[in-house]
Amino acid sequence: MASLSTVRLLDVEPDIGRFLTAEERAAVLKLVSVPVATVLKGEFTLFDGGKPFAALVLEGMLFQRLRVGDHVALRLLGPGDLVSAGGTLRSTLLTGAECRAASSTEVALLGDEVLVAARRWPQLMAGLHLQIAEQFERLAIQMVICQLPRVEQRLLALMWLLAESWGHVTAAGTVLPLSLTHEALGELIGARRPTVTLALMELGKRGAIVKEDGGWLLLESLLEPVGEMARIVEPRLLDEMDRIGEPRLLEPSGSASVDEQQQVGPLPGPALGETIAALQQRRRAIDRCRDQIGRVAASRGSVGSVSEFLWRQAP
């Protein structure tokens, strides 16, 4: 990595100053400059021994590859995206992680210059935060795309997603100026390379996409919505005060009545509550049967005693 020059922060990424007033923006443009560095293809040494807390991609592209077991997922970072220095803590599920430049890539290093400016104009940090939030929204959409049933659907949706960030509209169609191998496309959508090749052939045959030098021409529109989104039950945490219905858990044995038995803990859902209520009703029925059986046994004992007495008194 070689440092080349400096650029004014809001010149290269105006959206970082979206919360500034016109007067504040003019001051930041004049006073806040950041160094620019070039990362050669296959390298990524931005944060080795340096002080920047993040880097802003200006030209080129970086890729992040994560591995869990023998499965690999890919994430693209292009112009306008932020790369965080991050920390040393990583999930124990990861068996591999790397970040590399797909080609010679220029980045702006965000360090002390930005932090000092943020003390005077805190809105800069709000702009940076929103920039990162937009990146994670794209990542969340990519996760949804990976769940589409057909690989052709995933590829087409992925290309439109990337085109929203780095494509441009022409008279012939939407151009996505990214050259990606079939293996890389598979890592982006969760598919094997041979399946991606077949899916690309199918999309080409029906005229959905056209392969061009250094990119793709997108001709088929996005997926149409098939209906209203199904309602998803919102997750929630249960606490001590959270009780669902009246049913209580029963002890396996003992002479205490059902009303006297204590609930062990909060029930996780109404279905379980209904099941426990049914079990309690069955327990009460069993108790009634046992009581009746006891009375019958006592009656039999009394009848036997009377019969024996009468037999002895007989002449």
Protein backbone atom coordinates (compact mmCIF):
# COMPACT_ATOMS: atom_id res chain seq x y z
CA MET A 1 0.00 0.00 0.00
CA ALA A 2 1.32 3.41 -0.95
CA SER A 3 0.06 6.80 0.20
CA LEU A 4 -0.39 9.15 -2.75
CA SER A 5 -2.01 12.42 -1.72
CA THR A 6 -4.89 13.93 0.22
CA VAL A 7 -8.46 14.70 -0.75
CA ARG A 8 -11.22 16.75 0.84
CA LEU A 9 -13.58 14.37 2.60
CA LEU A 10 -16.87 15.84 1.39
CA ASP A 11 -15.56 16.12 -2.16
CA VAL A 12 -15.17 12.35 -2.42
CA GLU A 13 -18.26 11.42 -0.35
CA PRO A 14 -20.76 14.29 0.06
CA ASP A 15 -23.32 12.10 1.86
CA ILE A 16 -21.15 12.01 4.99
CA GLY A 17 -22.11 15.66 5.48
CA ARG A 18 -25.83 15.18 4.85
CA PHE A 19 -26.72 16.45 8.35
CA LEU A 20 -24.57 19.60 8.16
CA THR A 21 -25.93 23.06 7.50
CA ALA A 22 -24.74 24.90 4.41
CA GLU A 23 -22.34 26.97 6.52
CA GLU A 24 -20.96 23.90 8.31
CA ARG A 25 -20.55 22.02 5.03
CA ALA A 26 -18.51 24.89 3.58
CA ALA A 27 -16.25 24.87 6.64
CA VAL A 28 -15.73 21.09 6.51
CA LEU A 29 -14.96 21.23 2.79
CA LYS A 30 -12.28 23.81 3.47
CA LEU A 31 -10.69 22.29 6.58
CA VAL A 32 -11.07 18.49 6.52
CA SER A 33 -8.77 16.53 4.21
CA VAL A 34 -7.85 12.85 4.46
CA PRO A 35 -4.95 10.84 2.99
CA VAL A 36 -5.47 8.59 -0.02
CA ALA A 37 -3.78 5.20 -0.37
CA THR A 38 -3.62 2.63 -3.15
CA VAL A 39 -4.10 -1.05 -2.36
CA LEU A 40 -2.61 -3.36 -4.97
CA LYS A 41 -4.58 -6.33 -6.28
CA GLY A 42 -4.65 -9.20 -3.80
CA GLU A 43 -3.41 -7.10 -0.88
CA PHE A 44 -5.08 -5.53 2.13
CA THR A 45 -2.77 -3.89 4.66
CA LEU A 46 -4.69 -0.71 5.47
CA PHE A 47 -4.71 -1.11 9.22
CA ASP A 48 -1.33 -2.79 9.81
CA GLY A 49 0.47 -0.58 12.28
CA GLY A 50 -1.53 2.52 11.33
CA LYS A 51 -4.06 4.71 13.10
CA PRO A 52 -7.04 4.97 10.73
CA PHE A 53 -10.26 3.62 12.24
CA ALA A 54 -11.82 3.06 8.81
CA ALA A 55 -11.24 3.43 5.08
CA LEU A 56 -13.56 4.76 2.38
CA VAL A 57 -13.37 3.03 -1.00
CA LEU A 58 -12.92 5.61 -3.78
CA GLU A 59 -12.13 3.49 -6.85
CA GLY A 60 -11.83 -0.23 -7.41
CA MET A 61 -13.30 -2.94 -5.22
CA LEU A 62 -12.54 -5.00 -2.12
CA PHE A 63 -13.98 -8.40 -1.32
CA GLN A 64 -14.53 -10.00 2.07
CA ARG A 65 -14.64 -13.79 2.14
CA LEU A 66 -15.86 -15.69 5.21
CA ARG A 67 -15.77 -19.45 5.70
CA VAL A 68 -17.88 -21.57 8.05
CA GLY A 69 -16.94 -25.24 7.73
CA ASP A 70 -16.47 -25.88 4.02
CA HIS A 71 -18.97 -23.18 2.94
CA VAL A 72 -17.75 -19.78 1.75
CA ALA A 73 -19.69 -16.50 1.48
CA LEU A 74 -18.54 -13.39 -0.36
CA ARG A 75 -19.28 -9.70 0.23
CA LEU A 76 -18.34 -6.89 -2.15
CA LEU A 77 -17.21 -3.42 -1.06
CA GLY A 78 -17.06 -0.78 -3.78
CA PRO A 79 -16.94 2.99 -4.20
CA GLY A 80 -18.73 4.74 -1.36
CA ASP A 81 -18.42 1.80 1.07
CA LEU A 82 -16.65 1.99 4.43
CA VAL A 83 -14.25 -0.64 5.73
CA SER A 84 -13.83 -0.68 9.50
CA ALA A 85 -10.58 -1.50 11.26
CA GLY A 86 -12.68 -3.69 13.53
CA GLY A 87 -11.32 -5.63 16.48
CA THR A 88 -9.55 -8.89 17.20
CA LEU A 89 -12.67 -10.75 18.39
CA ARG A 90 -14.22 -13.09 15.84
CA SER A 91 -16.93 -15.72 16.00
CA THR A 92 -15.71 -19.21 16.85
CA LEU A 93 -17.84 -20.46 13.94
CA LEU A 94 -15.45 -18.90 11.44
CA THR A 95 -12.83 -21.23 10.02
CA GLY A 96 -11.42 -18.53 7.74
CA ALA A 97 -11.75 -14.82 6.98
CA GLU A 98 -9.95 -12.51 4.58
CA CYS A 99 -10.30 -9.13 2.90
CA ARG A 100 -8.48 -8.46 -0.36
CA ALA A 101 -8.46 -5.99 -3.24
CA ALA A 102 -10.07 -7.38 -6.38
CA SER A 103 -8.02 -4.90 -8.41
CA SER A 104 -5.84 -1.87 -7.76
CA THR A 105 -8.06 0.07 -5.37
CA GLU A 106 -7.89 3.63 -4.04
CA VAL A 107 -9.15 4.31 -0.52
CA ALA A 108 -9.36 7.35 1.72
CA LEU A 109 -8.02 6.70 5.22
CA LEU A 110 -10.24 8.01 8.02
CA GLY A 111 -8.25 8.75 11.15
CA ASP A 112 -7.41 11.59 13.51
CA GLU A 113 -8.41 14.25 10.97
CA VAL A 114 -12.01 13.01 10.98
CA LEU A 115 -12.13 12.48 14.75
CA VAL A 116 -10.90 16.03 15.42
CA ALA A 117 -13.46 17.41 12.95
CA ALA A 118 -16.22 15.35 14.59
CA ARG A 119 -15.57 17.09 17.90
CA ARG A 120 -16.48 20.37 16.22
CA TRP A 121 -19.17 18.98 13.90
CA PRO A 122 -20.70 15.85 15.54
CA GLN A 123 -23.10 15.50 12.60
CA LEU A 124 -20.20 14.00 10.64
CA MET A 125 -20.38 10.86 12.79
CA ALA A 126 -24.13 10.65 12.15
CA GLY A 127 -23.37 10.75 8.42
CA LEU A 128 -20.77 7.98 8.77
CA HIS A 129 -23.19 5.89 10.80
CA LEU A 130 -25.91 6.20 8.16
CA GLN A 131 -23.38 5.27 5.48
CA ILE A 132 -22.61 2.02 7.31
CA ALA A 133 -26.31 1.36 7.92
CA GLU A 134 -26.97 1.52 4.18
CA GLN A 135 -24.21 -1.04 3.59
CA PHE A 136 -25.75 -3.44 6.09
CA GLU A 137 -29.14 -3.01 4.44
CA ARG A 138 -27.57 -4.19 1.18
CA LEU A 139 -26.03 -7.12 3.04
CA ALA A 140 -29.42 -8.01 4.56
CA ILE A 141 -31.02 -7.97 1.10
CA GLN A 142 -28.23 -10.24 -0.16
CA MET A 143 -29.12 -12.66 2.65
CA VAL A 144 -32.76 -12.69 1.51
CA ILE A 145 -31.68 -13.24 -2.09
CA CYS A 146 -29.78 -16.36 -1.00
CA GLN A 147 -33.13 -17.82 0.12
CA LEU A 148 -34.85 -17.53 -3.27
CA PRO A 149 -35.74 -21.01 -4.56
CA ARG A 150 -34.16 -20.87 -8.03
CA VAL A 151 -30.57 -19.96 -8.82
CA GLU A 152 -31.68 -17.93 -11.86
CA GLN A 153 -33.80 -15.78 -9.53
CA ARG A 154 -30.90 -15.30 -7.14
CA LEU A 155 -28.49 -14.26 -9.90
CA LEU A 156 -30.89 -11.78 -11.47
CA ALA A 157 -31.85 -10.26 -8.12
CA LEU A 158 -28.18 -10.03 -7.07
CA MET A 159 -27.20 -8.22 -10.26
CA TRP A 160 -29.99 -5.70 -9.79
CA LEU A 161 -28.93 -5.21 -6.17
CA LEU A 162 -25.34 -4.49 -7.23
CA ALA A 163 -26.59 -2.25 -10.04
CA GLU A 164 -28.42 -0.09 -7.49
CA SER A 165 -25.03 0.80 -6.00
CA TRP A 166 -22.64 0.71 -8.95
CA GLY A 167 -24.67 0.42 -12.15
CA HIS A 168 -25.94 3.07 -14.55
CA VAL A 169 -28.86 3.29 -16.96
CA THR A 170 -28.30 3.51 -20.71
CA ALA A 171 -30.59 3.53 -23.74
CA ALA A 172 -29.94 -0.21 -24.18
CA GLY A 173 -30.58 -1.16 -20.56
CA THR A 174 -28.95 -1.06 -17.11
CA VAL A 175 -25.19 -1.64 -17.20
CA LEU A 176 -23.46 -3.36 -14.29
CA PRO A 177 -19.72 -2.73 -14.80
CA LEU A 178 -18.50 -5.65 -12.69
CA SER A 179 -16.56 -8.62 -13.99
CA LEU A 180 -17.21 -11.54 -11.64
CA THR A 181 -16.23 -15.17 -12.09
CA HIS A 182 -18.87 -17.88 -11.87
CA GLU A 183 -17.26 -19.06 -8.63
CA ALA A 184 -17.52 -15.57 -7.11
CA LEU A 185 -21.17 -15.28 -8.16
CA GLY A 186 -21.82 -18.63 -6.48
CA GLU A 187 -20.26 -17.40 -3.23
CA LEU A 188 -22.44 -14.29 -3.36
CA ILE A 189 -25.73 -16.22 -3.67
CA GLY A 190 -24.93 -19.54 -1.98
CA ALA A 191 -24.67 -21.79 -5.03
CA ARG A 192 -22.09 -24.08 -6.66
CA ARG A 193 -20.12 -22.90 -9.68
CA PRO A 194 -21.58 -25.48 -12.17
CA THR A 195 -25.11 -24.49 -11.12
CA VAL A 196 -24.27 -20.81 -11.63
CA THR A 197 -22.96 -21.55 -15.12
CA LEU A 198 -26.20 -23.31 -16.09
CA ALA A 199 -28.30 -20.50 -14.58
CA LEU A 200 -26.37 -17.83 -16.51
CA MET A 201 -26.92 -19.77 -19.73
CA GLU A 202 -30.66 -19.89 -19.00
CA LEU A 203 -30.81 -16.15 -18.26
CA GLY A 204 -28.90 -15.43 -21.46
CA LYS A 205 -31.19 -17.60 -23.58
CA ARG A 206 -34.32 -15.81 -22.45
CA GLY A 207 -32.71 -12.39 -22.88
CA ALA A 208 -32.69 -11.39 -19.22
CA ILE A 209 -28.99 -10.46 -19.21
CA VAL A 210 -26.24 -10.01 -21.77
CA LYS A 211 -22.55 -10.55 -21.03
CA GLU A 212 -20.42 -7.61 -22.10
CA ASP A 213 -16.74 -6.78 -21.86
CA GLY A 214 -16.12 -5.93 -18.22
CA GLY A 215 -19.69 -6.35 -17.05
CA TRP A 216 -23.32 -7.18 -17.72
CA LEU A 217 -26.29 -5.58 -19.43
CA LEU A 218 -29.51 -6.14 -17.44
CA LEU A 219 -32.65 -6.29 -19.58
CA GLU A 220 -35.25 -8.21 -17.57
CA SER A 221 -37.01 -6.33 -14.78
CA LEU A 222 -36.80 -7.21 -11.13
CA LEU A 223 -38.88 -9.89 -9.46
CA GLU A 224 -42.51 -8.82 -9.10
CA PRO A 225 -44.08 -9.08 -5.64
CA VAL A 226 -46.41 -12.08 -5.40
CA GLY A 227 -48.57 -10.79 -2.55
CA GLU A 228 -48.66 -9.23 0.85
CA MET A 229 -45.84 -10.21 3.16
CA ALA A 230 -46.88 -12.86 5.65
CA ARG A 231 -47.12 -11.60 9.20
CA ILE A 232 -44.26 -12.81 11.37
CA VAL A 233 -44.81 -13.16 15.09
CA GLU A 234 -42.43 -10.77 16.79
CA PRO A 235 -39.92 -12.40 19.16
CA ARG A 236 -39.93 -11.31 22.78
CA LEU A 237 -38.22 -12.12 26.05
CA LEU A 238 -40.18 -13.67 28.93
CA ASP A 239 -39.70 -12.39 32.47
CA GLU A 240 -40.95 -13.26 35.94
CA MET A 241 -44.15 -11.26 35.48
CA ASP A 242 -44.93 -12.80 32.11
CA ARG A 243 -47.68 -15.41 32.59
CA ILE A 244 -49.65 -17.08 29.86
CA GLY A 245 -53.08 -18.26 31.05
CA GLU A 246 -53.95 -19.96 34.33
CA PRO A 247 -52.50 -23.50 33.83
CA ARG A 248 -49.79 -24.60 36.24
CA LEU A 249 -47.22 -27.35 35.99
CA LEU A 250 -48.08 -30.43 38.06
CA GLU A 251 -45.82 -32.25 40.45
CA PRO A 252 -45.32 -35.94 39.53
CA SER A 253 -46.70 -37.16 42.88
CA GLY A 254 -47.99 -36.02 46.26
CA SER A 255 -51.23 -35.47 48.06
CA ALA A 256 -51.45 -31.73 47.47
CA SER A 257 -54.40 -30.53 45.45
CA VAL A 258 -54.02 -29.08 41.99
CA ASP A 259 -54.70 -25.55 43.25
CA GLU A 260 -51.93 -25.90 45.85
CA GLN A 261 -49.27 -26.96 43.35
CA GLN A 262 -46.85 -24.26 42.25
CA GLN A 263 -45.89 -23.19 38.75
CA VAL A 264 -42.28 -24.00 37.91
CA GLY A 265 -41.69 -21.09 35.51
CA PRO A 266 -43.20 -18.96 32.74
CA LEU A 267 -44.71 -20.87 29.87
CA PRO A 268 -43.19 -20.16 26.45
CA GLY A 269 -46.43 -20.10 24.47
CA PRO A 270 -50.22 -20.54 24.38
CA ALA A 271 -49.97 -23.98 22.74
CA LEU A 272 -48.03 -25.33 25.69
CA GLY A 273 -50.48 -23.63 28.07
CA GLU A 274 -53.41 -25.41 26.41
CA THR A 275 -51.59 -28.74 26.65
CA ILE A 276 -50.92 -28.26 30.35
CA ALA A 277 -54.56 -27.28 30.96
CA ALA A 278 -55.66 -30.52 29.30
CA LEU A 279 -53.23 -32.52 31.42
CA GLN A 280 -54.52 -30.85 34.56
CA GLN A 281 -58.09 -31.73 33.63
CA ARG A 282 -57.03 -35.31 33.06
CA ARG A 283 -55.26 -35.35 36.42
CA ARG A 284 -58.43 -34.19 38.17
CA ALA A 285 -60.41 -36.92 36.42
CA ILE A 286 -57.85 -39.53 37.54
CA ASP A 287 -58.09 -38.25 41.12
CA ARG A 288 -61.88 -38.57 41.01
CA CYS A 289 -61.60 -42.13 39.67
CA ARG A 290 -59.15 -43.06 42.42
CA ASP A 291 -61.55 -41.63 45.03
CA GLN A 292 -64.44 -43.63 43.60
CA ILE A 293 -62.33 -46.81 43.49
CA GLY A 294 -61.41 -46.27 47.13
CA ARG A 295 -65.06 -45.89 48.10
CA VAL A 296 -66.02 -49.05 46.18
CA ALA A 297 -63.22 -50.99 47.90
CA ALA A 298 -64.39 -49.75 51.29
CA SER A 299 -67.97 -50.75 50.46
CA ARG A 300 -66.85 -54.23 49.42
CA GLY A 301 -64.98 -54.60 52.67
CA SER A 302 -68.09 -53.62 54.65
CA VAL A 303 -70.30 -56.04 52.67
CA GLY A 304 -67.81 -58.85 53.28
CA SER A 305 -67.82 -58.24 57.03
CA VAL A 306 -71.62 -58.25 57.21
CA SER A 307 -71.84 -61.45 55.16
CA GLU A 308 -69.36 -63.22 57.43
CA PHE A 309 -71.29 -62.11 60.56
CA LEU A 310 -74.59 -63.36 59.17
CA TRP A 311 -73.05 -66.69 58.14
CA ARG A 312 -71.74 -67.24 61.67
CA GLN A 313 -75.13 -66.39 63.19
CA ALA A 314 -76.92 -68.82 60.95
CA PRO A 315 -78.33 -72.03 62.73
